[in-house]
């Protein structure tokens, strides 16, 4: 299943290793949007889907377990 979300898996691993963070909106987009067929970097970035907003809020509140998500995807 990790083949379905390669950008998420790669970025989540980088975050967990301390090589990347979730400091600004671009960091969240790199993690959450890169695998989306509807997301095109640089286009309509002021519009965010509900899934992005939900996952971003959960990550900001430490209510989303990146390690657990990676385990389930692999």
N, C-alpha and C. Protein backbone atom coordinates (compact mmCIF):
# COMPACT_ATOMS: atom_id res chain seq x y z
N UNK A 1 0.81 -1.20 0.00
CA UNK A 1 0.00 0.00 0.00
C UNK A 1 0.86 1.27 0.00
N UNK A 2 2.11 1.15 0.45
CA UNK A 2 2.98 2.33 0.45
C UNK A 2 3.25 2.81 -0.97
N UNK A 3 3.07 1.92 -1.95
CA UNK A 3 3.24 2.32 -3.35
C UNK A 3 2.16 3.32 -3.77
N UNK A 4 1.03 3.32 -3.08
CA UNK A 4 -0.05 4.25 -3.40
C UNK A 4 0.24 5.67 -2.90
N UNK A 5 1.11 5.79 -1.91
CA UNK A 5 1.40 7.08 -1.29
C UNK A 5 2.91 7.28 -1.11
N UNK A 6 3.68 7.20 -2.18
CA UNK A 6 5.14 7.25 -2.04
C UNK A 6 5.66 8.57 -1.46
N UNK A 7 5.07 9.69 -1.83
CA UNK A 7 5.54 10.98 -1.32
C UNK A 7 5.25 11.11 0.17
N UNK A 8 4.07 10.64 0.60
CA UNK A 8 3.73 10.67 2.02
C UNK A 8 4.70 9.82 2.82
N UNK A 9 4.95 8.61 2.35
CA UNK A 9 5.84 7.68 3.05
C UNK A 9 7.25 8.28 3.15
N UNK A 10 7.75 8.80 2.06
CA UNK A 10 9.10 9.39 2.04
C UNK A 10 9.19 10.56 3.02
N UNK A 11 8.23 11.46 2.95
CA UNK A 11 8.27 12.65 3.80
C UNK A 11 8.04 12.30 5.27
N UNK A 12 7.13 11.37 5.54
CA UNK A 12 6.89 10.96 6.93
C UNK A 12 8.15 10.36 7.53
N UNK A 13 8.87 9.55 6.77
CA UNK A 13 10.13 8.98 7.25
C UNK A 13 11.14 10.08 7.55
N UNK A 14 11.23 11.08 6.67
CA UNK A 14 12.14 12.20 6.89
C UNK A 14 11.78 12.95 8.17
N UNK A 15 10.51 13.15 8.40
CA UNK A 15 10.05 13.85 9.61
C UNK A 15 10.40 13.03 10.85
N UNK A 16 10.13 11.74 10.81
CA UNK A 16 10.40 10.89 11.96
C UNK A 16 11.90 10.77 12.26
N UNK A 17 12.75 10.87 11.23
CA UNK A 17 14.21 10.83 11.43
C UNK A 17 14.77 12.20 11.83
N UNK A 18 13.92 13.24 11.83
CA UNK A 18 14.38 14.58 12.19
C UNK A 18 15.02 15.33 11.04
N UNK A 19 14.89 14.81 9.83
CA UNK A 19 15.48 15.46 8.65
C UNK A 19 14.57 16.52 8.05
N UNK A 20 13.31 16.50 8.43
CA UNK A 20 12.32 17.48 7.96
C UNK A 20 11.37 17.75 9.11
N UNK A 21 10.59 18.80 8.98
CA UNK A 21 9.65 19.15 10.03
C UNK A 21 8.32 19.56 9.45
N UNK A 22 7.47 20.00 10.32
CA UNK A 22 6.17 20.55 9.93
C UNK A 22 6.08 21.96 10.51
N UNK A 23 6.88 22.84 9.91
CA UNK A 23 6.99 24.20 10.42
C UNK A 23 6.05 25.19 9.74
N UNK A 24 5.79 24.98 8.45
CA UNK A 24 4.94 25.93 7.73
C UNK A 24 4.03 25.18 6.76
N UNK A 25 3.20 25.93 6.08
CA UNK A 25 2.18 25.35 5.20
C UNK A 25 2.81 24.48 4.10
N UNK A 26 3.97 24.87 3.60
CA UNK A 26 4.64 24.09 2.56
C UNK A 26 5.06 22.71 3.06
N UNK A 27 5.46 22.64 4.33
CA UNK A 27 5.82 21.34 4.91
C UNK A 27 4.60 20.42 4.96
N UNK A 28 3.47 20.96 5.35
CA UNK A 28 2.23 20.17 5.40
C UNK A 28 1.81 19.73 4.00
N UNK A 29 1.95 20.62 3.03
CA UNK A 29 1.60 20.26 1.64
C UNK A 29 2.52 19.16 1.12
N UNK A 30 3.81 19.24 1.44
CA UNK A 30 4.75 18.21 0.99
C UNK A 30 4.37 16.85 1.55
N UNK A 31 3.88 16.82 2.76
CA UNK A 31 3.49 15.56 3.39
C UNK A 31 2.12 15.08 2.91
N UNK A 32 1.16 15.98 2.89
CA UNK A 32 -0.24 15.57 2.70
C UNK A 32 -0.76 15.68 1.28
N UNK A 33 -0.17 16.52 0.46
CA UNK A 33 -0.75 16.79 -0.86
C UNK A 33 0.00 16.19 -2.04
N UNK A 34 1.26 15.84 -1.85
CA UNK A 34 2.10 15.45 -2.99
C UNK A 34 1.56 14.25 -3.76
N UNK A 35 0.85 13.35 -3.11
CA UNK A 35 0.32 12.17 -3.79
C UNK A 35 -1.07 12.39 -4.39
N UNK A 36 -1.64 13.54 -4.17
CA UNK A 36 -3.00 13.82 -4.64
C UNK A 36 -3.01 14.19 -6.13
N UNK A 37 -3.85 13.52 -6.88
CA UNK A 37 -3.95 13.79 -8.32
C UNK A 37 -4.49 15.19 -8.61
N UNK A 38 -5.15 15.80 -7.65
CA UNK A 38 -5.75 17.11 -7.85
C UNK A 38 -4.82 18.26 -7.44
N UNK A 39 -3.73 17.93 -6.77
CA UNK A 39 -2.80 18.96 -6.31
C UNK A 39 -1.70 19.18 -7.33
N UNK A 40 -1.49 20.42 -7.70
CA UNK A 40 -0.42 20.80 -8.61
C UNK A 40 0.33 21.96 -7.96
N UNK A 41 1.55 21.69 -7.54
CA UNK A 41 2.35 22.69 -6.84
C UNK A 41 2.35 24.02 -7.59
N UNK A 42 2.04 25.07 -6.86
CA UNK A 42 2.04 26.41 -7.44
C UNK A 42 0.71 26.86 -8.01
N UNK A 43 -0.26 25.95 -8.09
CA UNK A 43 -1.57 26.30 -8.63
C UNK A 43 -2.62 26.26 -7.53
N UNK A 44 -3.40 27.30 -7.42
CA UNK A 44 -4.53 27.37 -6.50
C UNK A 44 -4.17 26.92 -5.09
N UNK A 45 -3.00 27.32 -4.63
CA UNK A 45 -2.55 26.89 -3.31
C UNK A 45 -3.27 27.61 -2.17
N UNK A 46 -4.08 28.58 -2.50
CA UNK A 46 -4.87 29.23 -1.46
C UNK A 46 -6.16 28.45 -1.19
N UNK A 47 -6.41 27.41 -1.98
CA UNK A 47 -7.58 26.55 -1.78
C UNK A 47 -7.10 25.21 -1.25
N UNK A 48 -7.66 24.80 -0.11
CA UNK A 48 -7.25 23.54 0.51
C UNK A 48 -8.47 22.67 0.72
N UNK A 49 -8.31 21.39 0.44
CA UNK A 49 -9.43 20.47 0.58
C UNK A 49 -9.67 20.13 2.06
N UNK A 50 -10.83 19.59 2.32
CA UNK A 50 -11.20 19.22 3.68
C UNK A 50 -10.29 18.18 4.29
N UNK A 51 -9.82 17.24 3.49
CA UNK A 51 -8.91 16.21 4.00
C UNK A 51 -7.61 16.84 4.47
N UNK A 52 -7.08 17.76 3.68
CA UNK A 52 -5.85 18.46 4.07
C UNK A 52 -6.06 19.20 5.38
N UNK A 53 -7.15 19.94 5.48
CA UNK A 53 -7.40 20.73 6.68
C UNK A 53 -7.56 19.84 7.92
N UNK A 54 -8.26 18.72 7.76
CA UNK A 54 -8.45 17.79 8.87
C UNK A 54 -7.11 17.19 9.32
N UNK A 55 -6.35 16.65 8.38
CA UNK A 55 -5.08 16.02 8.73
C UNK A 55 -4.08 17.03 9.28
N UNK A 56 -4.07 18.23 8.73
CA UNK A 56 -3.18 19.28 9.23
C UNK A 56 -3.53 19.61 10.68
N UNK A 57 -4.81 19.75 10.98
CA UNK A 57 -5.24 20.05 12.35
C UNK A 57 -4.85 18.93 13.31
N UNK A 58 -5.03 17.69 12.89
CA UNK A 58 -4.66 16.55 13.74
C UNK A 58 -3.15 16.50 13.97
N UNK A 59 -2.36 16.76 12.93
CA UNK A 59 -0.91 16.79 13.09
C UNK A 59 -0.47 17.91 14.02
N UNK A 60 -1.07 19.07 13.89
CA UNK A 60 -0.72 20.21 14.74
C UNK A 60 -1.03 19.94 16.20
N UNK A 61 -2.04 19.13 16.47
CA UNK A 61 -2.43 18.81 17.84
C UNK A 61 -1.81 17.49 18.33
N UNK A 62 -0.87 16.95 17.54
CA UNK A 62 -0.24 15.66 17.86
C UNK A 62 -1.26 14.55 18.05
N UNK A 63 -2.34 14.61 17.28
CA UNK A 63 -3.40 13.60 17.37
C UNK A 63 -3.35 12.63 16.19
N UNK A 64 -2.34 12.76 15.34
CA UNK A 64 -2.16 11.87 14.20
C UNK A 64 -0.80 11.22 14.34
N UNK A 65 -0.75 9.92 14.36
CA UNK A 65 0.47 9.16 14.61
C UNK A 65 1.14 8.79 13.28
N UNK A 66 2.18 9.54 12.92
CA UNK A 66 2.90 9.27 11.67
C UNK A 66 3.51 7.88 11.67
N UNK A 67 4.09 7.48 12.78
CA UNK A 67 4.70 6.15 12.86
C UNK A 67 3.66 5.06 12.64
N UNK A 68 2.50 5.22 13.27
CA UNK A 68 1.42 4.26 13.10
C UNK A 68 0.91 4.22 11.68
N UNK A 69 0.81 5.38 11.06
CA UNK A 69 0.35 5.44 9.67
C UNK A 69 1.32 4.72 8.75
N UNK A 70 2.62 4.92 8.97
CA UNK A 70 3.61 4.23 8.14
C UNK A 70 3.53 2.72 8.33
N UNK A 71 3.36 2.27 9.56
CA UNK A 71 3.23 0.83 9.82
C UNK A 71 2.05 0.25 9.06
N UNK A 72 0.94 0.95 9.05
CA UNK A 72 -0.26 0.46 8.37
C UNK A 72 -0.11 0.46 6.85
N UNK A 73 0.66 1.41 6.32
CA UNK A 73 0.84 1.49 4.88
C UNK A 73 1.84 0.47 4.35
N UNK A 74 2.73 0.01 5.19
CA UNK A 74 3.78 -0.91 4.71
C UNK A 74 3.43 -2.34 4.91
